Amino acid sequence: MEKCDGCGNEYARPFVVTMGGRRYVFDSFECAIHTLAPRCEVCEIPIVGHGVEQEGSVYCCASCARKAGANEVRDSA
């Protein structure tokens, strides 16, 4: 059994994600999201959907981007 890189749980049927050349083992999508998802630069929520980006900064939504001064971004309609 392998240990989950998110919570440390030993699980008989983990799944593996390779990202940036590194191998991660998880027992749930929840642990994978909390470990790997980028975080909004304003509210720090894990960005599970598309998010928005400007000049290398990533935000969960246009509202957070505007709070950071990124005024050129828009949420998808």
PDB file of N, CA and C in Angstrom:
ATOM      1  N   MET A   1       0.838  -1.188   0.000  1.00  0.00           N
ATOM      2  CA  MET A   1       0.000   0.000   0.000  1.00  0.00           C
ATOM      3  C   MET A   1       0.883   1.250   0.000  1.00  0.00           C
ATOM      4  N   GLU A   2       0.391   2.256  -0.676  1.00  0.00           N
ATOM      5  CA  GLU A   2       1.121   3.521  -0.725  1.00  0.00           C
ATOM      6  C   GLU A   2       0.390   4.560   0.114  1.00  0.00           C
ATOM      7  N   LYS A   3       1.157   5.551   0.585  1.00  0.00           N
ATOM      8  CA  LYS A   3       0.583   6.634   1.381  1.00  0.00           C
ATOM      9  C   LYS A   3       0.138   7.772   0.473  1.00  0.00           C
ATOM     10  N   CYS A   4      -1.002   8.345   0.821  1.00  0.00           N
ATOM     11  CA  CYS A   4      -1.516   9.507   0.111  1.00  0.00           C
ATOM     12  C   CYS A   4      -0.616  10.709   0.416  1.00  0.00           C
ATOM     13  N   ASP A   5      -0.204  11.420  -0.635  1.00  0.00           N
ATOM     14  CA  ASP A   5       0.623  12.611  -0.448  1.00  0.00           C
ATOM     15  C   ASP A   5      -0.163  13.768   0.152  1.00  0.00           C
ATOM     16  N   GLY A   6      -1.485  13.676   0.150  1.00  0.00           N
ATOM     17  CA  GLY A   6      -2.297  14.739   0.738  1.00  0.00           C
ATOM     18  C   GLY A   6      -2.518  14.554   2.225  1.00  0.00           C
ATOM     19  N   CYS A   7      -2.999  13.381   2.616  1.00  0.00           N
ATOM     20  CA  CYS A   7      -3.403  13.171   4.011  1.00  0.00           C
ATOM     21  C   CYS A   7      -2.580  12.127   4.752  1.00  0.00           C
ATOM     22  N   GLY A   8      -1.765  11.367   4.030  1.00  0.00           N
ATOM     23  CA  GLY A   8      -0.946  10.356   4.671  1.00  0.00           C
ATOM     24  C   GLY A   8      -1.632   9.012   4.867  1.00  0.00           C
ATOM     25  N   ASN A   9      -2.883   8.912   4.444  1.00  0.00           N
ATOM     26  CA  ASN A   9      -3.630   7.662   4.565  1.00  0.00           C
ATOM     27  C   ASN A   9      -2.996   6.578   3.697  1.00  0.00           C
ATOM     28  N   GLU A  10      -2.893   5.376   4.232  1.00  0.00           N
ATOM     29  CA  GLU A  10      -2.452   4.242   3.433  1.00  0.00           C
ATOM     30  C   GLU A  10      -3.687   3.625   2.794  1.00  0.00           C
ATOM     31  N   TYR A  11      -3.650   3.470   1.487  1.00  0.00           N
ATOM     32  CA  TYR A  11      -4.838   3.054   0.750  1.00  0.00           C
ATOM     33  C   TYR A  11      -4.460   1.972  -0.245  1.00  0.00           C
ATOM     34  N   ALA A  12      -5.294   0.936  -0.345  1.00  0.00           N
ATOM     35  CA  ALA A  12      -4.997  -0.199  -1.215  1.00  0.00           C
ATOM     36  C   ALA A  12      -5.130   0.133  -2.701  1.00  0.00           C
ATOM     37  N   ARG A  13      -5.947   1.121  -3.057  1.00  0.00           N
ATOM     38  CA  ARG A  13      -6.167   1.462  -4.467  1.00  0.00           C
ATOM     39  C   ARG A  13      -5.971   2.955  -4.736  1.00  0.00           C
ATOM     40  N   PRO A  14      -4.775   3.455  -4.527  1.00  0.00           N
ATOM     41  CA  PRO A  14      -4.542   4.874  -4.789  1.00  0.00           C
ATOM     42  C   PRO A  14      -4.446   5.142  -6.289  1.00  0.00           C
ATOM     43  N   PHE A  15      -4.462   6.413  -6.654  1.00  0.00           N
ATOM     44  CA  PHE A  15      -4.180   6.771  -8.045  1.00  0.00           C
ATOM     45  C   PHE A  15      -2.956   7.686  -8.052  1.00  0.00           C
ATOM     46  N   VAL A  16      -2.280   7.715  -9.179  1.00  0.00           N
ATOM     47  CA  VAL A  16      -1.029   8.448  -9.312  1.00  0.00           C
ATOM     48  C   VAL A  16      -1.216   9.586 -10.307  1.00  0.00           C
ATOM     49  N   VAL A  17      -0.668  10.738  -9.966  1.00  0.00           N
ATOM     50  CA  VAL A  17      -0.657  11.898 -10.853  1.00  0.00           C
ATOM     51  C   VAL A  17       0.802  12.307 -11.025  1.00  0.00           C
ATOM     52  N   THR A  18       1.202  12.526 -12.273  1.00  0.00           N
ATOM     53  CA  THR A  18       2.532  13.048 -12.539  1.00  0.00           C
ATOM     54  C   THR A  18       2.369  14.474 -13.028  1.00  0.00           C
ATOM     55  N   MET A  19       3.017  15.401 -12.328  1.00  0.00           N
ATOM     56  CA  MET A  19       2.876  16.822 -12.664  1.00  0.00           C
ATOM     57  C   MET A  19       4.233  17.496 -12.490  1.00  0.00           C
ATOM     58  N   GLY A  20       4.671  18.175 -13.517  1.00  0.00           N
ATOM     59  CA  GLY A  20       5.958  18.854 -13.441  1.00  0.00           C
ATOM     60  C   GLY A  20       7.115  17.906 -13.187  1.00  0.00           C
ATOM     61  N   GLY A  21       6.987  16.668 -13.685  1.00  0.00           N
ATOM     62  CA  GLY A  21       8.039  15.687 -13.516  1.00  0.00           C
ATOM     63  C   GLY A  21       8.051  15.005 -12.157  1.00  0.00           C
ATOM     64  N   ARG A  22       7.107  15.341 -11.305  1.00  0.00           N
ATOM     65  CA  ARG A  22       7.037  14.732  -9.973  1.00  0.00           C
ATOM     66  C   ARG A  22       5.837  13.791  -9.904  1.00  0.00           C
ATOM     67  N   ARG A  23       6.010  12.691  -9.206  1.00  0.00           N
ATOM     68  CA  ARG A  23       4.953  11.689  -9.028  1.00  0.00           C
ATOM     69  C   ARG A  23       4.259  11.905  -7.684  1.00  0.00           C
ATOM     70  N   TYR A  24       2.932  11.957  -7.726  1.00  0.00           N
ATOM     71  CA  TYR A  24       2.118  12.105  -6.519  1.00  0.00           C
ATOM     72  C   TYR A  24       1.172  10.915  -6.407  1.00  0.00           C
ATOM     73  N   VAL A  25       0.893  10.485  -5.186  1.00  0.00           N
ATOM     74  CA  VAL A  25      -0.040   9.395  -4.926  1.00  0.00           C
ATOM     75  C   VAL A  25      -1.178   9.950  -4.074  1.00  0.00           C
ATOM     76  N   PHE A  26      -2.424   9.644  -4.462  1.00  0.00           N
ATOM     77  CA  PHE A  26      -3.579  10.147  -3.722  1.00  0.00           C
ATOM     78  C   PHE A  26      -4.601   9.042  -3.491  1.00  0.00           C
ATOM     79  N   ASP A  27      -5.353   9.190  -2.403  1.00  0.00           N
ATOM     80  CA  ASP A  27      -6.437   8.262  -2.122  1.00  0.00           C
ATOM     81  C   ASP A  27      -7.786   8.854  -2.506  1.00  0.00           C
ATOM     82  N   SER A  28      -7.831  10.154  -2.847  1.00  0.00           N
ATOM     83  CA  SER A  28      -9.087  10.794  -3.223  1.00  0.00           C
ATOM     84  C   SER A  28      -8.801  12.025  -4.088  1.00  0.00           C
ATOM     85  N   PHE A  29      -9.807  12.426  -4.848  1.00  0.00           N
ATOM     86  CA  PHE A  29      -9.680  13.656  -5.630  1.00  0.00           C
ATOM     87  C   PHE A  29      -9.572  14.856  -4.699  1.00  0.00           C
ATOM     88  N   GLU A  30     -10.214  14.786  -3.558  1.00  0.00           N
ATOM     89  CA  GLU A  30     -10.143  15.879  -2.591  1.00  0.00           C
ATOM     90  C   GLU A  30      -8.697  16.165  -2.202  1.00  0.00           C
ATOM     91  N   CYS A  31      -7.935  15.123  -1.879  1.00  0.00           N
ATOM     92  CA  CYS A  31      -6.525  15.308  -1.520  1.00  0.00           C
ATOM     93  C   CYS A  31      -5.720  15.829  -2.705  1.00  0.00           C
ATOM     94  N   ALA A  32      -6.015  15.334  -3.901  1.00  0.00           N
ATOM     95  CA  ALA A  32      -5.307  15.798  -5.089  1.00  0.00           C
ATOM     96  C   ALA A  32      -5.558  17.288  -5.318  1.00  0.00           C
ATOM     97  N   ILE A  33      -6.799  17.720  -5.180  1.00  0.00           N
ATOM     98  CA  ILE A  33      -7.140  19.131  -5.370  1.00  0.00           C
ATOM     99  C   ILE A  33      -6.424  19.996  -4.348  1.00  0.00           C
ATOM    100  N   HIS A  34      -6.489  19.620  -3.084  1.00  0.00           N
ATOM    101  CA  HIS A  34      -5.861  20.437  -2.043  1.00  0.00           C
ATOM    102  C   HIS A  34      -4.351  20.495  -2.195  1.00  0.00           C
ATOM    103  N   THR A  35      -3.757  19.459  -2.751  1.00  0.00           N
ATOM    104  CA  THR A  35      -2.310  19.414  -2.907  1.00  0.00           C
ATOM    105  C   THR A  35      -1.844  20.091  -4.191  1.00  0.00           C
ATOM    106  N   LEU A  36      -2.564  19.897  -5.298  1.00  0.00           N
ATOM    107  CA  LEU A  36      -2.056  20.310  -6.603  1.00  0.00           C
ATOM    108  C   LEU A  36      -2.704  21.545  -7.220  1.00  0.00           C
ATOM    109  N   ALA A  37      -3.926  21.858  -6.851  1.00  0.00           N
ATOM    110  CA  ALA A  37      -4.614  22.971  -7.505  1.00  0.00           C
ATOM    111  C   ALA A  37      -3.924  24.298  -7.186  1.00  0.00           C
ATOM    112  N   PRO A  38      -3.810  25.170  -8.192  1.00  0.00           N
ATOM    113  CA  PRO A  38      -3.272  26.496  -7.902  1.00  0.00           C
ATOM    114  C   PRO A  38      -4.244  27.227  -6.978  1.00  0.00           C
ATOM    115  N   ARG A  39      -3.747  28.185  -6.242  1.00  0.00           N
ATOM    116  CA  ARG A  39      -4.591  28.943  -5.313  1.00  0.00           C
ATOM    117  C   ARG A  39      -4.721  30.384  -5.796  1.00  0.00           C
ATOM    118  N   CYS A  40      -5.913  30.915  -5.611  1.00  0.00           N
ATOM    119  CA  CYS A  40      -6.181  32.308  -5.970  1.00  0.00           C
ATOM    120  C   CYS A  40      -5.245  33.208  -5.171  1.00  0.00           C
ATOM    121  N   GLU A  41      -4.654  34.179  -5.843  1.00  0.00           N
ATOM    122  CA  GLU A  41      -3.709  35.074  -5.180  1.00  0.00           C
ATOM    123  C   GLU A  41      -4.390  36.045  -4.219  1.00  0.00           C
ATOM    124  N   VAL A  42      -5.715  36.161  -4.284  1.00  0.00           N
ATOM    125  CA  VAL A  42      -6.428  37.070  -3.381  1.00  0.00           C
ATOM    126  C   VAL A  42      -7.052  36.311  -2.216  1.00  0.00           C
ATOM    127  N   CYS A  43      -7.919  35.334  -2.516  1.00  0.00           N
ATOM    128  CA  CYS A  43      -8.665  34.661  -1.445  1.00  0.00           C
ATOM    129  C   CYS A  43      -8.071  33.302  -1.059  1.00  0.00           C
ATOM    130  N   GLU A  44      -7.075  32.843  -1.813  1.00  0.00           N
ATOM    131  CA  GLU A  44      -6.348  31.602  -1.560  1.00  0.00           C
ATOM    132  C   GLU A  44      -7.174  30.321  -1.710  1.00  0.00           C
ATOM    133  N   ILE A  45      -8.358  30.400  -2.306  1.00  0.00           N
ATOM    134  CA  ILE A  45      -9.167  29.210  -2.560  1.00  0.00           C
ATOM    135  C   ILE A  45      -8.496  28.375  -3.648  1.00  0.00           C
ATOM    136  N   PRO A  46      -8.527  27.039  -3.543  1.00  0.00           N
ATOM    137  CA  PRO A  46      -7.990  26.217  -4.635  1.00  0.00           C
ATOM    138  C   PRO A  46      -8.811  26.435  -5.906  1.00  0.00           C
ATOM    139  N   ILE A  47      -8.156  26.657  -7.011  1.00  0.00           N
ATOM    140  CA  ILE A  47      -8.849  26.902  -8.283  1.00  0.00           C
ATOM    141  C   ILE A  47      -9.058  25.568  -8.971  1.00  0.00           C
ATOM    142  N   VAL A  48     -10.293  25.106  -8.948  1.00  0.00           N
ATOM    143  CA  VAL A  48     -10.639  23.809  -9.517  1.00  0.00           C
ATOM    144  C   VAL A  48     -11.111  23.971 -10.960  1.00  0.00           C
ATOM    145  N   GLY A  49     -11.717  25.094 -11.281  1.00  0.00           N
ATOM    146  CA  GLY A  49     -12.184  25.363 -12.639  1.00  0.00           C
ATOM    147  C   GLY A  49     -11.127  26.095 -13.445  1.00  0.00           C
ATOM    148  N   HIS A  50     -11.588  26.893 -14.391  1.00  0.00           N
ATOM    149  CA  HIS A  50     -10.673  27.595 -15.283  1.00  0.00           C
ATOM    150  C   HIS A  50      -9.911  28.724 -14.592  1.00  0.00           C
ATOM    151  N   GLY A  51     -10.566  29.467 -13.730  1.00  0.00           N
ATOM    152  CA  GLY A  51      -9.932  30.629 -13.137  1.00  0.00           C
ATOM    153  C   GLY A  51      -9.635  31.663 -14.202  1.00  0.00           C
ATOM    154  N   VAL A  52      -8.962  32.730 -13.816  1.00  0.00           N
ATOM    155  CA  VAL A  52      -8.537  33.768 -14.758  1.00  0.00           C
ATOM    156  C   VAL A  52      -7.079  34.093 -14.464  1.00  0.00           C
ATOM    157  N   GLU A  53      -6.391  34.591 -15.477  1.00  0.00           N
ATOM    158  CA  GLU A  53      -4.963  34.854 -15.331  1.00  0.00           C
ATOM    159  C   GLU A  53      -4.608  36.155 -16.012  1.00  0.00           C
ATOM    160  N   GLN A  54      -3.714  36.895 -15.386  1.00  0.00           N
ATOM    161  CA  GLN A  54      -3.163  38.092 -16.015  1.00  0.00           C
ATOM    162  C   GLN A  54      -1.729  38.252 -15.553  1.00  0.00           C
ATOM    163  N   GLU A  55      -0.829  38.393 -16.526  1.00  0.00           N
ATOM    164  CA  GLU A  55       0.587  38.626 -16.256  1.00  0.00           C
ATOM    165  C   GLU A  55       1.175  37.633 -15.261  1.00  0.00           C
ATOM    166  N   GLY A  56       0.808  36.346 -15.412  1.00  0.00           N
ATOM    167  CA  GLY A  56       1.368  35.294 -14.581  1.00  0.00           C
ATOM    168  C   GLY A  56       0.698  35.098 -13.234  1.00  0.00           C
ATOM    169  N   SER A  57      -0.237  35.950 -12.885  1.00  0.00           N
ATOM    170  CA  SER A  57      -0.987  35.793 -11.631  1.00  0.00           C
ATOM    171  C   SER A  57      -2.293  35.077 -11.927  1.00  0.00           C
ATOM    172  N   VAL A  58      -2.693  34.161 -11.021  1.00  0.00           N
ATOM    173  CA  VAL A  58      -3.892  33.358 -11.225  1.00  0.00           C
ATOM    174  C   VAL A  58      -4.917  33.698 -10.143  1.00  0.00           C
ATOM    175  N   TYR A  59      -6.165  33.829 -10.563  1.00  0.00           N
ATOM    176  CA  TYR A  59      -7.256  34.188  -9.656  1.00  0.00           C
ATOM    177  C   TYR A  59      -8.432  33.240  -9.895  1.00  0.00           C
ATOM    178  N   CYS A  60      -9.260  33.067  -8.869  1.00  0.00           N
ATOM    179  CA  CYS A  60     -10.419  32.186  -9.021  1.00  0.00           C
ATOM    180  C   CYS A  60     -11.510  32.820  -9.874  1.00  0.00           C
ATOM    181  N   CYS A  61     -11.561  34.152  -9.909  1.00  0.00           N
ATOM    182  CA  CYS A  61     -12.612  34.853 -10.665  1.00  0.00           C
ATOM    183  C   CYS A  61     -12.154  36.270 -10.986  1.00  0.00           C
ATOM    184  N   ALA A  62     -12.902  36.937 -11.860  1.00  0.00           N
ATOM    185  CA  ALA A  62     -12.562  38.305 -12.248  1.00  0.00           C
ATOM    186  C   ALA A  62     -12.670  39.262 -11.072  1.00  0.00           C
ATOM    187  N   SER A  63     -13.583  39.003 -10.157  1.00  0.00           N
ATOM    188  CA  SER A  63     -13.736  39.869  -8.986  1.00  0.00           C
ATOM    189  C   SER A  63     -12.451  39.898  -8.156  1.00  0.00           C
ATOM    190  N   CYS A  64     -11.884  38.736  -7.886  1.00  0.00           N
ATOM    191  CA  CYS A  64     -10.620  38.685  -7.141  1.00  0.00           C
ATOM    192  C   CYS A  64      -9.491  39.331  -7.943  1.00  0.00           C
ATOM    193  N   ALA A  65      -9.486  39.123  -9.251  1.00  0.00           N
ATOM    194  CA  ALA A  65      -8.453  39.723 -10.088  1.00  0.00           C
ATOM    195  C   ALA A  65      -8.523  41.244 -10.009  1.00  0.00           C
ATOM    196  N   ARG A  66      -9.737  41.804 -10.066  1.00  0.00           N
ATOM    197  CA  ARG A  66      -9.890  43.256  -9.964  1.00  0.00           C
ATOM    198  C   ARG A  66      -9.412  43.771  -8.609  1.00  0.00           C
ATOM    199  N   LYS A  67      -9.661  43.018  -7.547  1.00  0.00           N
ATOM    200  CA  LYS A  67      -9.188  43.424  -6.214  1.00  0.00           C
ATOM    201  C   LYS A  67      -7.670  43.534  -6.183  1.00  0.00           C
ATOM    202  N   ALA A  68      -7.014  42.739  -7.020  1.00  0.00           N
ATOM    203  CA  ALA A  68      -5.552  42.748  -7.086  1.00  0.00           C
ATOM    204  C   ALA A  68      -5.033  43.746  -8.122  1.00  0.00           C
ATOM    205  N   GLY A  69      -5.950  44.453  -8.789  1.00  0.00           N
ATOM    206  CA  GLY A  69      -5.555  45.441  -9.773  1.00  0.00           C
ATOM    207  C   GLY A  69      -5.453  44.922 -11.185  1.00  0.00           C
ATOM    208  N   ALA A  70      -5.859  43.706 -11.430  1.00  0.00           N
ATOM    209  CA  ALA A  70      -5.851  43.123 -12.779  1.00  0.00           C
ATOM    210  C   ALA A  70      -7.196  43.433 -13.423  1.00  0.00           C
ATOM    211  N   ASN A  71      -7.283  44.541 -14.100  1.00  0.00           N
ATOM    212  CA  ASN A  71      -8.573  45.031 -14.612  1.00  0.00           C
ATOM    213  C   ASN A  71      -8.935  44.549 -16.009  1.00  0.00           C
ATOM    214  N   GLU A  72      -8.048  43.840 -16.680  1.00  0.00           N
ATOM    215  CA  GLU A  72      -8.311  43.391 -18.053  1.00  0.00           C
ATOM    216  C   GLU A  72      -8.982  42.022 -18.130  1.00  0.00           C
ATOM    217  N   VAL A  73      -9.182  41.332 -17.010  1.00  0.00           N
ATOM    218  CA  VAL A  73      -9.758  39.987 -17.034  1.00  0.00           C
ATOM    219  C   VAL A  73     -11.269  40.045 -16.931  1.00  0.00           C
ATOM    220  N   ARG A  74     -11.917  39.017 -17.461  1.00  0.00           N
ATOM    221  CA  ARG A  74     -13.373  38.897 -17.394  1.00  0.00           C
ATOM    222  C   ARG A  74     -13.712  37.443 -17.124  1.00  0.00           C
ATOM    223  N   ASP A  75     -14.768  37.206 -16.339  1.00  0.00           N
ATOM    224  CA  ASP A  75     -15.275  35.855 -16.159  1.00  0.00           C
ATOM    225  C   ASP A  75     -15.930  35.398 -17.453  1.00  0.00           C
ATOM    226  N   SER A  76     -15.904  34.116 -17.736  1.00  0.00           N
ATOM    227  CA  SER A  76     -16.580  33.581 -18.909  1.00  0.00           C
ATOM    228  C   SER A  76     -18.083  33.704 -18.738  1.00  0.00           C
ATOM    229  N   ALA A  77     -18.781  33.950 -19.827  1.00  0.00           N
ATOM    230  CA  ALA A  77     -20.243  34.078 -19.776  1.00  0.00           C
ATOM    231  C   ALA A  77     -20.891  32.738 -19.987  1.00  0.00           C
TER     232      ALA A  77
END
